[in-house]
């Protein structure tokens, strides 16, 4: 049977969950399609799929370093509430986009709010988490 290799375009069904069992994502009704080696999915998942055969099912725990990286405390900032325009929703959990000092856009999540301050977290929501994936290689769409 043919094994998925670097450069192949593959389709997988997957369920992603945290180590405690909380599901955070799945392929849903349509398999996820990506090309191995192009960095379109987290490296730990990509590495796991490489070498699988069509129809194979497996479970892998991807450590944080091979997923969304460690949680970086320096990516959490607190700003004065008065600096946030009134028309911007700052409820906890709201995803916003801010500009870095060099003008680059950066997604952030509101993690704390009070009358004086807003705390924003620039880490990916899954940073610092080991992730568990149940994976099925459905198809090798195009072999390299």
Protein backbone atom coordinates (compact mmCIF):
# COMPACT_ATOMS: atom_id res chain seq x y z
CA UNK A 1 0.00 0.00 0.00
CA UNK A 2 1.19 3.52 -0.74
CA UNK A 3 2.37 5.65 2.15
CA UNK A 4 1.87 9.40 2.34
CA UNK A 5 5.14 11.24 1.76
CA UNK A 6 6.52 14.76 1.68
CA UNK A 7 4.96 16.67 -1.24
CA UNK A 8 1.80 14.53 -1.40
CA UNK A 9 -1.58 16.25 -1.18
CA UNK A 10 -3.63 14.27 1.32
CA UNK A 11 -7.11 14.29 2.83
CA UNK A 12 -7.66 13.35 6.48
CA UNK A 13 -10.55 13.04 8.88
CA UNK A 14 -9.56 14.13 12.36
CA UNK A 15 -10.80 15.03 15.82
CA UNK A 16 -8.60 17.29 17.92
CA UNK A 17 -8.86 17.40 21.69
CA UNK A 18 -6.92 18.61 24.67
CA UNK A 19 -5.25 16.07 26.97
CA UNK A 20 -8.24 16.43 29.35
CA UNK A 21 -10.58 15.26 26.55
CA UNK A 22 -12.06 18.67 25.64
CA UNK A 23 -12.61 18.72 21.87
CA UNK A 24 -11.32 21.86 20.15
CA UNK A 25 -11.64 20.99 16.46
CA UNK A 26 -12.56 18.35 13.90
CA UNK A 27 -12.65 17.93 10.15
CA UNK A 28 -16.43 17.74 10.34
CA UNK A 29 -18.26 16.28 7.36
CA UNK A 30 -15.49 17.00 4.84
CA UNK A 31 -11.91 15.74 5.17
CA UNK A 32 -9.14 18.32 5.58
CA UNK A 33 -6.92 18.56 2.52
CA UNK A 34 -3.31 19.76 2.69
CA UNK A 35 0.10 19.13 1.14
CA UNK A 36 2.70 17.44 3.30
CA UNK A 37 5.80 19.55 3.80
CA UNK A 38 4.20 22.92 3.07
CA UNK A 39 3.45 23.87 6.68
CA UNK A 40 -0.31 24.14 6.11
CA UNK A 41 -1.05 22.30 9.39
CA UNK A 42 0.85 22.12 12.68
CA UNK A 43 4.16 20.32 12.31
CA UNK A 44 3.38 17.51 14.77
CA UNK A 45 0.23 16.52 12.87
CA UNK A 46 1.98 16.75 9.52
CA UNK A 47 4.85 14.55 10.74
CA UNK A 48 2.35 11.99 12.03
CA UNK A 49 0.44 11.76 8.73
CA UNK A 50 3.64 11.28 6.74
CA UNK A 51 4.15 7.53 6.42
CA UNK A 52 0.48 6.63 6.98
CA UNK A 53 -1.32 4.43 4.45
CA UNK A 54 -4.77 5.22 3.03
CA UNK A 55 -7.43 3.87 5.39
CA UNK A 56 -5.08 3.86 8.39
CA UNK A 57 -6.40 5.28 11.66
CA UNK A 58 -4.28 6.35 14.59
CA UNK A 59 -4.04 8.66 17.57
CA UNK A 60 -1.15 11.01 18.22
CA UNK A 61 -0.35 13.39 21.06
CA UNK A 62 1.37 16.45 19.64
CA UNK A 63 3.46 18.31 22.24
CA UNK A 64 2.95 22.07 22.47
CA UNK A 65 6.32 22.75 20.83
CA UNK A 66 5.19 20.88 17.69
CA UNK A 67 1.72 22.49 17.79
CA UNK A 68 1.25 26.19 18.60
CA UNK A 69 4.35 26.58 20.72
CA UNK A 70 4.73 27.49 24.38
CA UNK A 71 2.63 30.15 26.05
CA UNK A 72 4.77 33.31 25.91
CA UNK A 73 4.13 35.68 28.84
CA UNK A 74 5.61 38.57 26.86
CA UNK A 75 2.73 38.24 24.38
CA UNK A 76 0.25 39.27 27.12
CA UNK A 77 -0.15 43.04 27.51
CA UNK A 78 -2.38 45.30 29.56
CA UNK A 79 -3.56 48.60 28.10
CA UNK A 80 -5.65 51.43 29.47
CA UNK A 81 -9.36 50.96 28.78
CA UNK A 82 -9.52 54.61 27.64
CA UNK A 83 -7.21 53.76 24.69
CA UNK A 84 -9.77 51.33 23.26
CA UNK A 85 -12.41 53.01 21.05
CA UNK A 86 -15.92 52.82 22.53
CA UNK A 87 -17.24 50.93 19.48
CA UNK A 88 -14.84 48.01 20.07
CA UNK A 89 -16.26 45.06 22.00
CA UNK A 90 -13.89 44.06 24.81
CA UNK A 91 -15.83 41.21 26.38
CA UNK A 92 -13.61 38.41 27.66
CA UNK A 93 -12.90 35.96 24.84
CA UNK A 94 -13.33 38.54 22.07
CA UNK A 95 -10.76 38.15 19.28
CA UNK A 96 -9.34 41.44 18.01
CA UNK A 97 -6.61 42.46 15.63
CA UNK A 98 -4.04 45.04 16.73
CA UNK A 99 -0.98 46.47 15.04
CA UNK A 100 2.48 45.80 16.43
CA UNK A 101 5.04 48.60 16.82
CA UNK A 102 6.32 47.85 13.32
CA UNK A 103 2.79 48.03 11.87
CA UNK A 104 2.17 44.31 11.45
CA UNK A 105 -1.33 42.98 12.23
CA UNK A 106 -1.51 40.61 15.20
CA UNK A 107 -4.56 38.69 16.47
CA UNK A 108 -5.19 38.98 20.21
CA UNK A 109 -7.79 37.70 22.66
CA UNK A 110 -9.32 39.78 25.44
CA UNK A 111 -8.55 37.84 28.64
CA UNK A 112 -9.39 40.37 31.40
CA UNK A 113 -11.36 43.61 31.55
CA UNK A 114 -12.18 46.15 34.22
CA UNK A 115 -13.11 49.85 34.16
CA UNK A 116 -9.47 50.92 33.91
CA UNK A 117 -7.67 48.23 31.92
CA UNK A 118 -7.94 45.59 29.21
CA UNK A 119 -5.57 42.61 29.14
CA UNK A 120 -4.84 41.22 25.66
CA UNK A 121 -3.18 37.88 24.92
CA UNK A 122 -1.31 37.57 21.62
CA UNK A 123 -0.67 33.85 22.06
CA UNK A 124 -2.61 31.38 19.94
CA UNK A 125 -5.52 30.12 22.09
CA UNK A 126 -3.95 26.62 22.09
CA UNK A 127 -0.39 27.77 22.86
CA UNK A 128 1.19 25.80 25.67
CA UNK A 129 -1.21 22.87 25.20
CA UNK A 130 -0.37 19.33 24.19
CA UNK A 131 -2.94 18.29 21.58
CA UNK A 132 -4.39 14.84 20.87
CA UNK A 133 -5.57 13.96 17.36
CA UNK A 134 -7.52 10.94 16.16
CA UNK A 135 -6.55 10.75 12.49
CA UNK A 136 -7.70 8.74 9.47
CA UNK A 137 -5.87 9.09 6.15
CA UNK A 138 -8.77 9.10 3.71
CA UNK A 139 -6.96 9.71 0.43
CA UNK A 140 -3.72 10.66 -1.24
CA UNK A 141 -5.16 13.11 -3.76
CA UNK A 142 -1.93 13.80 -5.59
CA UNK A 143 1.37 12.01 -5.09
CA UNK A 144 4.57 14.04 -5.32
